[in-house]
Amino acid sequence: MEYNLNINDRTDPVHVDITGDTGFDAATPQEEFEVSFARISDHQISLQVNGQTFNAHVTRTEDAKIIMIEGRTFTVRDADLAERTKSGGRGMASTETEVTPPMPAVVILVAVKPGDHVEKGDPVVTLSAMKMETTLTAPYSGEVTSVNVAEGDKVMPGQILIDIQS
């Protein structure tokens, strides 16, 4: 998957390939990274990047993730999402119609199909990430208009898994 990530006010294209439940490869024009991770707690993860291990503290804001590693702070934003929001396109205000993963993951169950009616809170997709299962639910009641993944698919944050129309 291709992303334009803004990290501490510098935007770079990043290509990401998921390598399993707990890893991915990432490449920028300047560097390549082999990353594996394990959840320590709700806001802490252990990262192994190109063979070096780091503990990271992660906090989510409305439009970014704040990542602290060894006393250094990185503010990470999806530059494409920010541009769509600024230009009035699909952005933060419209994301409630879509179900997206919070982190790199593998789809282990798709519980709905196009045309299904869902109620707010109904399970729609179950993901596996960092050796944990997470069930994503319908953000509100409506009709499933599209299912964009299948069981076994590797998915990334921001990728639209399910579209729901109220």
N, C-alpha and C. Protein backbone atom coordinates (compact mmCIF):
# COMPACT_ATOMS: atom_id res chain seq x y z
N MET A 1 0.84 -1.16 0.00
CA MET A 1 0.00 0.00 0.00
C MET A 1 0.89 1.24 0.00
N GLU A 2 0.40 2.27 -0.65
CA GLU A 2 1.14 3.52 -0.75
C GLU A 2 0.52 4.57 0.16
N TYR A 3 1.36 5.29 0.88
CA TYR A 3 0.93 6.37 1.76
C TYR A 3 1.82 7.58 1.54
N ASN A 4 1.29 8.74 1.85
CA ASN A 4 2.09 9.96 1.98
C ASN A 4 1.98 10.33 3.45
N LEU A 5 3.05 10.07 4.20
CA LEU A 5 3.02 10.33 5.63
C LEU A 5 3.75 11.62 5.96
N ASN A 6 3.11 12.40 6.82
CA ASN A 6 3.72 13.62 7.34
C ASN A 6 4.23 13.28 8.73
N ILE A 7 5.54 13.31 8.89
CA ILE A 7 6.17 13.00 10.17
C ILE A 7 6.96 14.22 10.61
N ASN A 8 6.51 14.83 11.71
CA ASN A 8 7.15 16.06 12.22
C ASN A 8 7.31 17.10 11.11
N ASP A 9 6.22 17.34 10.38
CA ASP A 9 6.16 18.38 9.33
C ASP A 9 6.99 18.09 8.09
N ARG A 10 7.41 16.86 7.88
CA ARG A 10 8.08 16.46 6.64
C ARG A 10 7.23 15.36 6.01
N THR A 11 6.87 15.53 4.76
CA THR A 11 6.02 14.56 4.08
C THR A 11 6.85 13.72 3.12
N ASP A 12 6.70 12.40 3.22
CA ASP A 12 7.41 11.47 2.35
C ASP A 12 6.44 10.39 1.87
N PRO A 13 6.63 9.91 0.64
CA PRO A 13 5.87 8.74 0.21
C PRO A 13 6.43 7.50 0.93
N VAL A 14 5.53 6.62 1.35
CA VAL A 14 5.94 5.40 2.04
C VAL A 14 5.19 4.22 1.42
N HIS A 15 5.94 3.20 1.04
CA HIS A 15 5.34 1.96 0.54
C HIS A 15 5.39 0.95 1.67
N VAL A 16 4.24 0.32 1.99
CA VAL A 16 4.15 -0.62 3.10
C VAL A 16 3.64 -1.97 2.60
N ASP A 17 4.34 -3.03 2.98
CA ASP A 17 3.91 -4.41 2.72
C ASP A 17 3.78 -5.12 4.05
N ILE A 18 2.58 -5.61 4.36
CA ILE A 18 2.38 -6.37 5.59
C ILE A 18 3.02 -7.74 5.43
N THR A 19 3.79 -8.16 6.44
CA THR A 19 4.49 -9.44 6.35
C THR A 19 3.90 -10.49 7.29
N GLY A 20 2.88 -10.14 8.05
CA GLY A 20 2.25 -11.06 8.98
C GLY A 20 1.46 -10.30 10.01
N ASP A 21 0.95 -11.02 11.01
CA ASP A 21 0.15 -10.39 12.06
C ASP A 21 0.93 -9.34 12.84
N THR A 22 2.25 -9.49 12.92
CA THR A 22 3.03 -8.60 13.78
C THR A 22 4.20 -7.96 13.05
N GLY A 23 4.05 -7.76 11.74
CA GLY A 23 5.18 -7.15 11.04
C GLY A 23 4.82 -6.56 9.70
N PHE A 24 5.71 -5.68 9.23
CA PHE A 24 5.56 -5.10 7.91
C PHE A 24 6.91 -4.57 7.44
N ASP A 25 7.03 -4.41 6.13
CA ASP A 25 8.19 -3.77 5.54
C ASP A 25 7.73 -2.41 5.05
N ALA A 26 8.55 -1.38 5.25
CA ALA A 26 8.23 -0.03 4.81
C ALA A 26 9.44 0.53 4.07
N ALA A 27 9.15 1.31 3.01
CA ALA A 27 10.23 1.91 2.24
C ALA A 27 9.88 3.35 1.90
N THR A 28 10.83 4.24 2.19
CA THR A 28 10.73 5.63 1.76
C THR A 28 11.76 5.79 0.65
N PRO A 29 11.80 6.94 -0.02
CA PRO A 29 12.84 7.13 -1.04
C PRO A 29 14.26 7.06 -0.45
N GLN A 30 14.39 7.35 0.86
CA GLN A 30 15.71 7.37 1.48
C GLN A 30 16.10 6.07 2.17
N GLU A 31 15.12 5.34 2.73
CA GLU A 31 15.44 4.19 3.57
C GLU A 31 14.42 3.07 3.43
N GLU A 32 14.86 1.87 3.84
CA GLU A 32 13.96 0.72 3.93
C GLU A 32 13.98 0.20 5.36
N PHE A 33 12.81 -0.26 5.83
CA PHE A 33 12.68 -0.72 7.20
C PHE A 33 11.98 -2.07 7.22
N GLU A 34 12.49 -2.96 8.05
CA GLU A 34 11.82 -4.21 8.36
C GLU A 34 11.35 -4.09 9.81
N VAL A 35 10.03 -4.14 10.02
CA VAL A 35 9.47 -3.83 11.33
C VAL A 35 8.65 -5.00 11.84
N SER A 36 8.85 -5.32 13.11
CA SER A 36 7.95 -6.24 13.81
C SER A 36 7.57 -5.55 15.11
N PHE A 37 6.43 -5.92 15.65
CA PHE A 37 5.94 -5.23 16.84
C PHE A 37 5.16 -6.19 17.72
N ALA A 38 5.09 -5.82 19.01
CA ALA A 38 4.30 -6.58 19.99
C ALA A 38 3.67 -5.57 20.95
N ARG A 39 2.42 -5.78 21.26
CA ARG A 39 1.71 -4.91 22.18
C ARG A 39 2.16 -5.19 23.61
N ILE A 40 2.51 -4.13 24.33
CA ILE A 40 2.85 -4.26 25.74
C ILE A 40 1.65 -3.88 26.60
N SER A 41 1.03 -2.75 26.27
CA SER A 41 -0.18 -2.28 26.96
C SER A 41 -0.98 -1.45 25.96
N ASP A 42 -2.05 -0.79 26.43
CA ASP A 42 -2.90 -0.03 25.53
C ASP A 42 -2.14 1.04 24.75
N HIS A 43 -1.12 1.63 25.34
CA HIS A 43 -0.41 2.71 24.68
C HIS A 43 1.08 2.44 24.49
N GLN A 44 1.51 1.20 24.73
CA GLN A 44 2.92 0.88 24.55
C GLN A 44 3.09 -0.34 23.66
N ILE A 45 4.08 -0.23 22.76
CA ILE A 45 4.43 -1.35 21.91
C ILE A 45 5.94 -1.53 21.92
N SER A 46 6.35 -2.75 21.70
CA SER A 46 7.76 -3.05 21.51
C SER A 46 7.97 -3.16 20.00
N LEU A 47 8.90 -2.36 19.48
CA LEU A 47 9.19 -2.36 18.05
C LEU A 47 10.56 -2.96 17.81
N GLN A 48 10.67 -3.73 16.77
CA GLN A 48 11.98 -4.14 16.30
C GLN A 48 12.10 -3.61 14.87
N VAL A 49 13.03 -2.67 14.67
CA VAL A 49 13.22 -2.02 13.38
C VAL A 49 14.62 -2.33 12.89
N ASN A 50 14.69 -3.04 11.77
CA ASN A 50 15.98 -3.45 11.19
C ASN A 50 16.90 -4.07 12.24
N GLY A 51 16.32 -4.90 13.10
CA GLY A 51 17.10 -5.63 14.10
C GLY A 51 17.30 -4.92 15.42
N GLN A 52 16.96 -3.63 15.54
CA GLN A 52 17.10 -2.91 16.80
C GLN A 52 15.74 -2.86 17.49
N THR A 53 15.74 -3.07 18.82
CA THR A 53 14.50 -3.09 19.59
C THR A 53 14.31 -1.77 20.33
N PHE A 54 13.07 -1.26 20.28
CA PHE A 54 12.69 -0.03 20.94
C PHE A 54 11.35 -0.22 21.62
N ASN A 55 11.14 0.45 22.74
CA ASN A 55 9.81 0.55 23.32
C ASN A 55 9.24 1.88 22.89
N ALA A 56 7.97 1.89 22.46
CA ALA A 56 7.33 3.11 21.98
C ALA A 56 6.03 3.34 22.73
N HIS A 57 5.77 4.60 23.02
CA HIS A 57 4.50 5.02 23.62
C HIS A 57 3.71 5.69 22.51
N VAL A 58 2.47 5.25 22.29
CA VAL A 58 1.65 5.76 21.19
C VAL A 58 0.36 6.36 21.74
N THR A 59 0.09 7.60 21.32
CA THR A 59 -1.14 8.29 21.69
C THR A 59 -1.82 8.73 20.41
N ARG A 60 -3.11 8.57 20.35
CA ARG A 60 -3.86 8.95 19.16
C ARG A 60 -4.60 10.25 19.42
N THR A 61 -4.52 11.19 18.46
CA THR A 61 -5.30 12.41 18.51
C THR A 61 -6.32 12.34 17.39
N GLU A 62 -7.07 13.40 17.19
CA GLU A 62 -8.10 13.40 16.15
C GLU A 62 -7.52 13.17 14.76
N ASP A 63 -6.35 13.75 14.48
CA ASP A 63 -5.80 13.65 13.13
C ASP A 63 -4.38 13.10 13.06
N ALA A 64 -3.86 12.59 14.17
CA ALA A 64 -2.47 12.13 14.16
C ALA A 64 -2.24 11.07 15.22
N LYS A 65 -1.06 10.45 15.12
CA LYS A 65 -0.58 9.59 16.18
C LYS A 65 0.71 10.22 16.69
N ILE A 66 0.83 10.30 17.99
CA ILE A 66 2.02 10.83 18.63
C ILE A 66 2.80 9.62 19.14
N ILE A 67 4.02 9.45 18.65
CA ILE A 67 4.83 8.29 19.01
C ILE A 67 6.09 8.78 19.69
N MET A 68 6.34 8.28 20.91
CA MET A 68 7.54 8.64 21.64
C MET A 68 8.46 7.43 21.72
N ILE A 69 9.70 7.60 21.24
CA ILE A 69 10.70 6.53 21.26
C ILE A 69 11.99 7.13 21.79
N GLU A 70 12.48 6.55 22.89
CA GLU A 70 13.74 6.97 23.49
C GLU A 70 13.84 8.49 23.64
N GLY A 71 12.78 9.11 24.16
CA GLY A 71 12.79 10.54 24.43
C GLY A 71 12.52 11.42 23.23
N ARG A 72 12.39 10.85 22.05
CA ARG A 72 12.09 11.62 20.84
C ARG A 72 10.61 11.46 20.51
N THR A 73 9.99 12.56 20.10
CA THR A 73 8.57 12.56 19.78
C THR A 73 8.37 12.70 18.27
N PHE A 74 7.52 11.85 17.72
CA PHE A 74 7.19 11.89 16.30
C PHE A 74 5.68 12.07 16.16
N THR A 75 5.27 13.09 15.44
CA THR A 75 3.85 13.30 15.14
C THR A 75 3.63 12.80 13.72
N VAL A 76 2.78 11.78 13.58
CA VAL A 76 2.58 11.12 12.30
C VAL A 76 1.15 11.35 11.82
N ARG A 77 1.03 11.89 10.60
CA ARG A 77 -0.28 12.13 9.99
C ARG A 77 -0.32 11.53 8.59
N ASP A 78 -1.49 11.11 8.16
CA ASP A 78 -1.72 10.68 6.79
C ASP A 78 -1.91 11.95 5.97
N ALA A 79 -0.91 12.36 5.18
CA ALA A 79 -0.98 13.62 4.43
C ALA A 79 -2.11 13.61 3.42
N ASP A 80 -2.40 12.47 2.81
CA ASP A 80 -3.49 12.40 1.83
C ASP A 80 -4.83 12.64 2.51
N LEU A 81 -5.03 12.05 3.69
CA LEU A 81 -6.28 12.26 4.42
C LEU A 81 -6.41 13.72 4.84
N ALA A 82 -5.33 14.33 5.28
CA ALA A 82 -5.37 15.74 5.68
C ALA A 82 -5.74 16.62 4.49
N GLU A 83 -5.20 16.33 3.31
CA GLU A 83 -5.50 17.12 2.12
C GLU A 83 -6.96 16.96 1.71
N ARG A 84 -7.48 15.72 1.77
CA ARG A 84 -8.89 15.51 1.42
C ARG A 84 -9.79 16.26 2.39
N THR A 85 -9.44 16.28 3.67
CA THR A 85 -10.24 16.97 4.68
C THR A 85 -10.20 18.48 4.42
N LYS A 86 -9.01 19.02 4.15
CA LYS A 86 -8.84 20.45 3.92
C LYS A 86 -9.58 20.89 2.65
N SER A 87 -9.57 20.06 1.61
CA SER A 87 -10.17 20.45 0.34
C SER A 87 -11.66 20.14 0.28
N GLY A 88 -12.22 19.62 1.36
CA GLY A 88 -13.65 19.35 1.39
C GLY A 88 -14.03 18.00 0.82
N GLY A 89 -13.05 17.19 0.49
CA GLY A 89 -13.34 15.86 -0.04
C GLY A 89 -13.63 14.90 1.09
N ARG A 90 -13.53 13.62 0.79
CA ARG A 90 -13.75 12.62 1.83
C ARG A 90 -12.66 12.76 2.87
N GLY A 91 -13.03 12.93 4.09
CA GLY A 91 -12.04 13.11 5.14
C GLY A 91 -12.61 12.71 6.46
N MET A 92 -12.18 13.36 7.51
CA MET A 92 -12.58 12.99 8.86
C MET A 92 -14.09 13.05 9.05
N ALA A 93 -14.75 14.05 8.48
CA ALA A 93 -16.18 14.19 8.68
C ALA A 93 -16.96 13.06 8.04
N SER A 94 -16.42 12.46 6.97
CA SER A 94 -17.18 11.44 6.27
C SER A 94 -16.76 10.02 6.66
N THR A 95 -15.75 9.86 7.50
CA THR A 95 -15.25 8.52 7.78
C THR A 95 -16.23 7.66 8.56
N GLU A 96 -17.27 8.27 9.13
CA GLU A 96 -18.22 7.45 9.87
C GLU A 96 -19.01 6.51 8.97
N THR A 97 -18.99 6.74 7.66
CA THR A 97 -19.69 5.85 6.74
C THR A 97 -18.82 4.66 6.37
N GLU A 98 -17.59 4.66 6.83
CA GLU A 98 -16.63 3.63 6.46
C GLU A 98 -16.06 2.95 7.71
N VAL A 99 -15.72 1.72 7.56
CA VAL A 99 -15.06 0.99 8.64
C VAL A 99 -13.62 0.77 8.21
N THR A 100 -12.67 1.30 9.01
CA THR A 100 -11.25 1.20 8.68
C THR A 100 -10.50 0.60 9.87
N PRO A 101 -9.37 -0.08 9.62
CA PRO A 101 -8.61 -0.68 10.72
C PRO A 101 -7.78 0.36 11.47
N PRO A 102 -7.60 0.17 12.77
CA PRO A 102 -6.79 1.11 13.55
C PRO A 102 -5.29 0.89 13.43
N MET A 103 -4.88 -0.26 12.88
CA MET A 103 -3.46 -0.60 12.78
C MET A 103 -3.30 -1.66 11.69
N PRO A 104 -2.07 -1.92 11.23
CA PRO A 104 -1.89 -3.02 10.27
C PRO A 104 -2.43 -4.31 10.88
N ALA A 105 -3.16 -5.08 10.07
CA ALA A 105 -3.81 -6.28 10.59
C ALA A 105 -4.11 -7.25 9.45
N VAL A 106 -4.61 -8.42 9.83
CA VAL A 106 -5.07 -9.42 8.88
C VAL A 106 -6.55 -9.69 9.16
N VAL A 107 -7.36 -9.70 8.11
CA VAL A 107 -8.79 -9.96 8.26
C VAL A 107 -8.99 -11.45 8.54
N ILE A 108 -9.67 -11.76 9.65
CA ILE A 108 -9.92 -13.18 9.94
C ILE A 108 -11.39 -13.55 9.81
N LEU A 109 -12.29 -12.53 9.77
CA LEU A 109 -13.71 -12.81 9.59
C LEU A 109 -14.41 -11.59 9.03
N VAL A 110 -15.20 -11.79 7.98
CA VAL A 110 -16.07 -10.75 7.44
C VAL A 110 -17.49 -11.19 7.77
N ALA A 111 -18.18 -10.41 8.62
CA ALA A 111 -19.48 -10.84 9.14
C ALA A 111 -20.66 -10.30 8.35
N VAL A 112 -20.42 -9.48 7.33
CA VAL A 112 -21.51 -8.88 6.57
C VAL A 112 -21.23 -9.01 5.08
N LYS A 113 -22.29 -8.75 4.29
CA LYS A 113 -22.15 -8.72 2.83
C LYS A 113 -22.96 -7.54 2.31
N PRO A 114 -22.68 -7.07 1.09
CA PRO A 114 -23.45 -5.95 0.56
C PRO A 114 -24.96 -6.24 0.60
N GLY A 115 -25.71 -5.23 1.01
CA GLY A 115 -27.16 -5.37 1.13
C GLY A 115 -27.63 -5.70 2.53
N ASP A 116 -26.71 -6.17 3.39
CA ASP A 116 -27.10 -6.47 4.77
C ASP A 116 -27.46 -5.18 5.51
N HIS A 117 -28.46 -5.28 6.38
CA HIS A 117 -28.78 -4.15 7.27
C HIS A 117 -28.06 -4.41 8.59
N VAL A 118 -27.38 -3.37 9.08
CA VAL A 118 -26.67 -3.48 10.36
C VAL A 118 -27.19 -2.42 11.32
N GLU A 119 -27.15 -2.76 12.59
CA GLU A 119 -27.48 -1.81 13.65
C GLU A 119 -26.17 -1.28 14.22
N LYS A 120 -26.21 -0.08 14.78
CA LYS A 120 -25.03 0.49 15.40
C LYS A 120 -24.47 -0.51 16.43
N GLY A 121 -23.17 -0.79 16.33
CA GLY A 121 -22.53 -1.71 17.26
C GLY A 121 -22.48 -3.15 16.80
N ASP A 122 -23.17 -3.47 15.70
CA ASP A 122 -23.10 -4.84 15.17
C ASP A 122 -21.68 -5.13 14.67
N PRO A 123 -21.17 -6.34 14.91
CA PRO A 123 -19.84 -6.68 14.39
C PRO A 123 -19.88 -6.79 12.87
N VAL A 124 -18.86 -6.23 12.20
CA VAL A 124 -18.81 -6.32 10.74
C VAL A 124 -17.54 -7.01 10.24
N VAL A 125 -16.41 -6.81 10.94
CA VAL A 125 -15.14 -7.41 10.53
C VAL A 125 -14.32 -7.72 11.79
N THR A 126 -13.66 -8.88 11.80
CA THR A 126 -12.74 -9.20 12.88
C THR A 126 -11.34 -9.25 12.30
N LEU A 127 -10.41 -8.57 13.00
CA LEU A 127 -9.02 -8.47 12.56
C LEU A 127 -8.10 -9.12 13.58
N SER A 128 -6.95 -9.54 13.12
CA SER A 128 -5.91 -10.03 14.01
C SER A 128 -4.69 -9.14 13.82
N ALA A 129 -4.22 -8.58 14.95
CA ALA A 129 -3.02 -7.73 14.92
C ALA A 129 -2.31 -7.88 16.25
N MET A 130 -1.01 -7.98 16.22
CA MET A 130 -0.19 -8.12 17.42
C MET A 130 -0.70 -9.26 18.30
N LYS A 131 -1.08 -10.35 17.66
CA LYS A 131 -1.54 -11.56 18.34
C LYS A 131 -2.82 -11.33 19.15
N MET A 132 -3.59 -10.30 18.77
CA MET A 132 -4.87 -10.01 19.42
C MET A 132 -5.94 -9.89 18.35
N GLU A 133 -7.14 -10.29 18.69
CA GLU A 133 -8.27 -10.11 17.79
C GLU A 133 -9.03 -8.86 18.17
N THR A 134 -9.45 -8.11 17.14
CA THR A 134 -10.24 -6.90 17.33
C THR A 134 -11.45 -6.99 16.41
N THR A 135 -12.63 -6.78 16.96
CA THR A 135 -13.84 -6.77 16.15
C THR A 135 -14.25 -5.34 15.90
N LEU A 136 -14.32 -4.97 14.62
CA LEU A 136 -14.79 -3.65 14.23
C LEU A 136 -16.30 -3.70 14.10
N THR A 137 -16.97 -2.66 14.56
CA THR A 137 -18.43 -2.65 14.57
C THR A 137 -18.97 -1.53 13.69
N ALA A 138 -20.25 -1.64 13.36
CA ALA A 138 -20.92 -0.61 12.58
C ALA A 138 -21.00 0.67 13.40
N PRO A 139 -20.58 1.82 12.83
CA PRO A 139 -20.61 3.07 13.58
C PRO A 139 -22.03 3.60 13.78
N TYR A 140 -22.99 3.13 12.96
CA TYR A 140 -24.39 3.49 13.09
C TYR A 140 -25.22 2.51 12.28
N SER A 141 -26.51 2.58 12.38
CA SER A 141 -27.40 1.68 11.65
C SER A 141 -27.46 2.08 10.19
N GLY A 142 -27.56 1.09 9.31
CA GLY A 142 -27.66 1.38 7.89
C GLY A 142 -27.50 0.13 7.06
N GLU A 143 -27.31 0.34 5.75
CA GLU A 143 -27.16 -0.77 4.82
C GLU A 143 -25.71 -0.85 4.37
N VAL A 144 -25.17 -2.06 4.36
CA VAL A 144 -23.81 -2.28 3.88
C VAL A 144 -23.84 -2.11 2.36
N THR A 145 -23.10 -1.11 1.86
CA THR A 145 -23.09 -0.86 0.42
C THR A 145 -21.94 -1.58 -0.28
N SER A 146 -20.82 -1.81 0.44
CA SER A 146 -19.74 -2.58 -0.16
C SER A 146 -18.85 -3.20 0.91
N VAL A 147 -18.30 -4.35 0.57
CA VAL A 147 -17.32 -5.04 1.40
C VAL A 147 -16.06 -5.11 0.54
N ASN A 148 -15.00 -4.47 1.00
CA ASN A 148 -13.80 -4.31 0.18
C ASN A 148 -12.65 -5.23 0.56
N VAL A 149 -12.93 -6.23 1.42
CA VAL A 149 -11.89 -7.16 1.86
C VAL A 149 -12.47 -8.57 1.94
N ALA A 150 -11.56 -9.52 2.04
CA ALA A 150 -11.94 -10.92 2.24
C ALA A 150 -11.08 -11.48 3.37
N GLU A 151 -11.51 -12.59 3.92
CA GLU A 151 -10.74 -13.25 4.98
C GLU A 151 -9.34 -13.56 4.45
N GLY A 152 -8.33 -13.27 5.27
CA GLY A 152 -6.95 -13.49 4.89
C GLY A 152 -6.26 -12.27 4.31
N ASP A 153 -7.03 -11.23 3.95
CA ASP A 153 -6.43 -10.01 3.40
C ASP A 153 -5.63 -9.28 4.47
N LYS A 154 -4.52 -8.70 4.07
CA LYS A 154 -3.71 -7.84 4.94
C LYS A 154 -4.19 -6.41 4.71
N VAL A 155 -4.47 -5.70 5.81
CA VAL A 155 -5.03 -4.35 5.70
C VAL A 155 -4.22 -3.35 6.51
N MET A 156 -4.36 -2.07 6.14
CA MET A 156 -3.60 -1.00 6.78
C MET A 156 -4.56 0.09 7.25
N PRO A 157 -4.15 0.90 8.25
CA PRO A 157 -4.98 2.01 8.70
C PRO A 157 -5.37 2.91 7.53
N GLY A 158 -6.62 3.37 7.55
CA GLY A 158 -7.11 4.23 6.48
C GLY A 158 -7.73 3.46 5.32
N GLN A 159 -7.43 2.17 5.20
CA GLN A 159 -8.02 1.37 4.14
C GLN A 159 -9.48 1.13 4.48
N ILE A 160 -10.36 1.39 3.53
CA ILE A 160 -11.80 1.23 3.77
C ILE A 160 -12.17 -0.24 3.61
N LEU A 161 -12.61 -0.85 4.70
CA LEU A 161 -12.95 -2.26 4.69
C LEU A 161 -14.43 -2.46 4.32
N ILE A 162 -15.29 -1.66 4.94
CA ILE A 162 -16.74 -1.77 4.77
C ILE A 162 -17.31 -0.37 4.58
N ASP A 163 -18.22 -0.20 3.62
CA ASP A 163 -18.97 1.06 3.46
C ASP A 163 -20.39 0.81 3.94
N ILE A 164 -20.90 1.76 4.71
CA ILE A 164 -22.27 1.66 5.23
C ILE A 164 -23.00 2.95 4.90
N GLN A 165 -24.21 2.81 4.39
CA GLN A 165 -25.03 4.00 4.08
C GLN A 165 -26.21 4.03 5.03
N SER A 166 -26.43 5.19 5.66
CA SER A 166 -27.54 5.28 6.62
C SER A 166 -28.86 5.46 5.91
